[in-house]
Amino acid sequence: MSYDMVITEHLRITILRLLEEQSSRVFNESILLDKVERYGFAPSRDRMRTELRWLEEQGLLSLSGETCLVATLTERGEDVARCRVMVPGVKRPSARK
């Protein structure tokens, strides 16, 4: 697996876990950009939108909005974030304590 794919898989699970930790299960793309930086990622807004749309295609979140995308975690996305389901292209999260 390429280094870029490893980074992409880590970014995707980070997005899902951030949404899962939020009580409303909702964040806009700007907040997600700020939050993923705390975990060592520095995606452009275009890259964040690409990953959010990919996650939506997989049924892991839903998107609304045009100027600023708003991501809402789906049940399937929560299952992936909690390590109940594996999806190719998303890193399997480590178990939480």
C-alpha atoms as a PDB file:
ATOM      1  CA  MET A   1       0.000   0.000   0.000  1.00  0.00           C
ATOM      2  CA  SER A   2       1.316   3.433  -0.925  1.00  0.00           C
ATOM      3  CA  TYR A   3       2.171   6.056   1.658  1.00  0.00           C
ATOM      4  CA  ASP A   4      -0.545   8.351   0.243  1.00  0.00           C
ATOM      5  CA  MET A   5      -3.184   5.634   0.724  1.00  0.00           C
ATOM      6  CA  VAL A   6      -2.065   5.073   4.323  1.00  0.00           C
ATOM      7  CA  ILE A   7      -2.475   8.797   5.022  1.00  0.00           C
ATOM      8  CA  THR A   8      -5.869   8.826   3.276  1.00  0.00           C
ATOM      9  CA  GLU A   9      -7.153   5.879   5.334  1.00  0.00           C
ATOM     10  CA  HIS A  10      -5.985   7.537   8.558  1.00  0.00           C
ATOM     11  CA  LEU A  11      -7.611  10.848   7.588  1.00  0.00           C
ATOM     12  CA  ARG A  12     -10.926   9.128   6.849  1.00  0.00           C
ATOM     13  CA  ILE A  13     -11.091   7.285  10.179  1.00  0.00           C
ATOM     14  CA  THR A  14     -10.071  10.480  11.975  1.00  0.00           C
ATOM     15  CA  ILE A  15     -12.991  12.341  10.370  1.00  0.00           C
ATOM     16  CA  LEU A  16     -15.413   9.571  11.368  1.00  0.00           C
ATOM     17  CA  ARG A  17     -14.130   9.391  14.933  1.00  0.00           C
ATOM     18  CA  LEU A  18     -14.327  13.170  15.347  1.00  0.00           C
ATOM     19  CA  LEU A  19     -17.960  13.084  14.229  1.00  0.00           C
ATOM     20  CA  GLU A  20     -18.673  10.112  16.500  1.00  0.00           C
ATOM     21  CA  GLU A  21     -17.230  11.931  19.527  1.00  0.00           C
ATOM     22  CA  GLN A  22     -19.483  14.960  18.877  1.00  0.00           C
ATOM     23  CA  SER A  23     -22.845  14.546  20.641  1.00  0.00           C
ATOM     24  CA  SER A  24     -24.762  15.932  17.646  1.00  0.00           C
ATOM     25  CA  ARG A  25     -22.684  13.808  15.200  1.00  0.00           C
ATOM     26  CA  VAL A  26     -22.458  16.930  12.978  1.00  0.00           C
ATOM     27  CA  PHE A  27     -19.569  19.231  11.977  1.00  0.00           C
ATOM     28  CA  ASN A  28     -19.048  21.581   9.075  1.00  0.00           C
ATOM     29  CA  GLU A  29     -15.994  21.224   6.859  1.00  0.00           C
ATOM     30  CA  SER A  30     -14.239  24.246   8.388  1.00  0.00           C
ATOM     31  CA  ILE A  31     -14.421  22.808  11.894  1.00  0.00           C
ATOM     32  CA  LEU A  32     -13.276  19.409  10.617  1.00  0.00           C
ATOM     33  CA  LEU A  33     -10.280  21.057   8.938  1.00  0.00           C
ATOM     34  CA  ASP A  34      -9.305  22.673  12.250  1.00  0.00           C
ATOM     35  CA  LYS A  35      -9.823  19.468  14.207  1.00  0.00           C
ATOM     36  CA  VAL A  36      -7.847  17.145  11.916  1.00  0.00           C
ATOM     37  CA  GLU A  37      -4.864  19.501  12.169  1.00  0.00           C
ATOM     38  CA  ARG A  38      -4.620  18.536  15.852  1.00  0.00           C
ATOM     39  CA  TYR A  39      -3.919  14.984  14.674  1.00  0.00           C
ATOM     40  CA  GLY A  40      -1.140  15.960  12.283  1.00  0.00           C
ATOM     41  CA  PHE A  41      -3.117  16.310   9.051  1.00  0.00           C
ATOM     42  CA  ALA A  42      -3.044  19.417   6.873  1.00  0.00           C
ATOM     43  CA  PRO A  43      -5.488  18.793   4.029  1.00  0.00           C
ATOM     44  CA  SER A  44      -6.583  21.577   1.723  1.00  0.00           C
ATOM     45  CA  ARG A  45     -10.267  22.471   1.688  1.00  0.00           C
ATOM     46  CA  ASP A  46     -10.493  20.729  -1.699  1.00  0.00           C
ATOM     47  CA  ARG A  47      -8.959  17.556  -0.248  1.00  0.00           C
ATOM     48  CA  MET A  48     -11.335  17.669   2.729  1.00  0.00           C
ATOM     49  CA  ARG A  49     -14.313  17.997   0.384  1.00  0.00           C
ATOM     50  CA  THR A  50     -13.036  15.073  -1.697  1.00  0.00           C
ATOM     51  CA  GLU A  51     -12.750  12.854   1.401  1.00  0.00           C
ATOM     52  CA  LEU A  52     -16.142  13.943   2.735  1.00  0.00           C
ATOM     53  CA  ARG A  53     -17.754  13.118  -0.601  1.00  0.00           C
ATOM     54  CA  TRP A  54     -16.004   9.725  -0.660  1.00  0.00           C
ATOM     55  CA  LEU A  55     -17.258   8.977   2.849  1.00  0.00           C
ATOM     56  CA  GLU A  56     -20.756   9.993   1.732  1.00  0.00           C
ATOM     57  CA  GLU A  57     -20.546   7.633  -1.275  1.00  0.00           C
ATOM     58  CA  GLN A  58     -19.714   4.806   1.139  1.00  0.00           C
ATOM     59  CA  GLY A  59     -22.783   5.644   3.246  1.00  0.00           C
ATOM     60  CA  LEU A  60     -20.670   6.647   6.262  1.00  0.00           C
ATOM     61  CA  LEU A  61     -21.943  10.213   6.478  1.00  0.00           C
ATOM     62  CA  SER A  62     -24.422  12.486   4.780  1.00  0.00           C
ATOM     63  CA  LEU A  63     -23.629  15.945   3.435  1.00  0.00           C
ATOM     64  CA  SER A  64     -25.697  19.096   3.176  1.00  0.00           C
ATOM     65  CA  GLY A  65     -24.930  22.682   2.258  1.00  0.00           C
ATOM     66  CA  GLU A  66     -23.249  24.178  -0.778  1.00  0.00           C
ATOM     67  CA  THR A  67     -20.955  26.990   0.300  1.00  0.00           C
ATOM     68  CA  CYS A  68     -19.786  25.084   3.364  1.00  0.00           C
ATOM     69  CA  LEU A  69     -20.421  21.347   3.539  1.00  0.00           C
ATOM     70  CA  VAL A  70     -22.012  20.010   6.710  1.00  0.00           C
ATOM     71  CA  ALA A  71     -21.245  16.361   7.530  1.00  0.00           C
ATOM     72  CA  THR A  72     -23.597  14.196   9.592  1.00  0.00           C
ATOM     73  CA  LEU A  73     -22.459  10.760  10.727  1.00  0.00           C
ATOM     74  CA  THR A  74     -24.695   7.863   9.676  1.00  0.00           C
ATOM     75  CA  GLU A  75     -25.308   4.680  11.662  1.00  0.00           C
ATOM     76  CA  ARG A  76     -22.936   2.838   9.350  1.00  0.00           C
ATOM     77  CA  GLY A  77     -20.304   5.543   9.878  1.00  0.00           C
ATOM     78  CA  GLU A  78     -20.711   5.187  13.628  1.00  0.00           C
ATOM     79  CA  ASP A  79     -20.258   1.427  13.311  1.00  0.00           C
ATOM     80  CA  VAL A  80     -16.996   1.992  11.424  1.00  0.00           C
ATOM     81  CA  ALA A  81     -15.788   4.603  13.947  1.00  0.00           C
ATOM     82  CA  ARG A  82     -16.526   2.169  16.787  1.00  0.00           C
ATOM     83  CA  CYS A  83     -14.733  -0.700  15.053  1.00  0.00           C
ATOM     84  CA  ARG A  84     -17.890  -2.773  14.526  1.00  0.00           C
ATOM     85  CA  VAL A  85     -17.625  -2.750  10.724  1.00  0.00           C
ATOM     86  CA  MET A  86     -14.651  -2.557   8.372  1.00  0.00           C
ATOM     87  CA  VAL A  87     -14.770  -0.611   5.114  1.00  0.00           C
ATOM     88  CA  PRO A  88     -11.968  -0.875   2.546  1.00  0.00           C
ATOM     89  CA  GLY A  89     -10.329   2.537   2.230  1.00  0.00           C
ATOM     90  CA  VAL A  90     -10.852   3.439   5.900  1.00  0.00           C
ATOM     91  CA  LYS A  91      -8.260   2.493   8.487  1.00  0.00           C
ATOM     92  CA  ARG A  92      -9.559   0.127  11.099  1.00  0.00           C
ATOM     93  CA  PRO A  93      -9.424   2.117  14.345  1.00  0.00           C
ATOM     94  CA  SER A  94      -7.529   0.845  17.324  1.00  0.00           C
ATOM     95  CA  ALA A  95      -9.649  -0.213  20.277  1.00  0.00           C
ATOM     96  CA  ARG A  96     -10.460   2.547  22.723  1.00  0.00           C
ATOM     97  CA  LYS A  97      -9.919   2.156  26.424  1.00  0.00           C
END
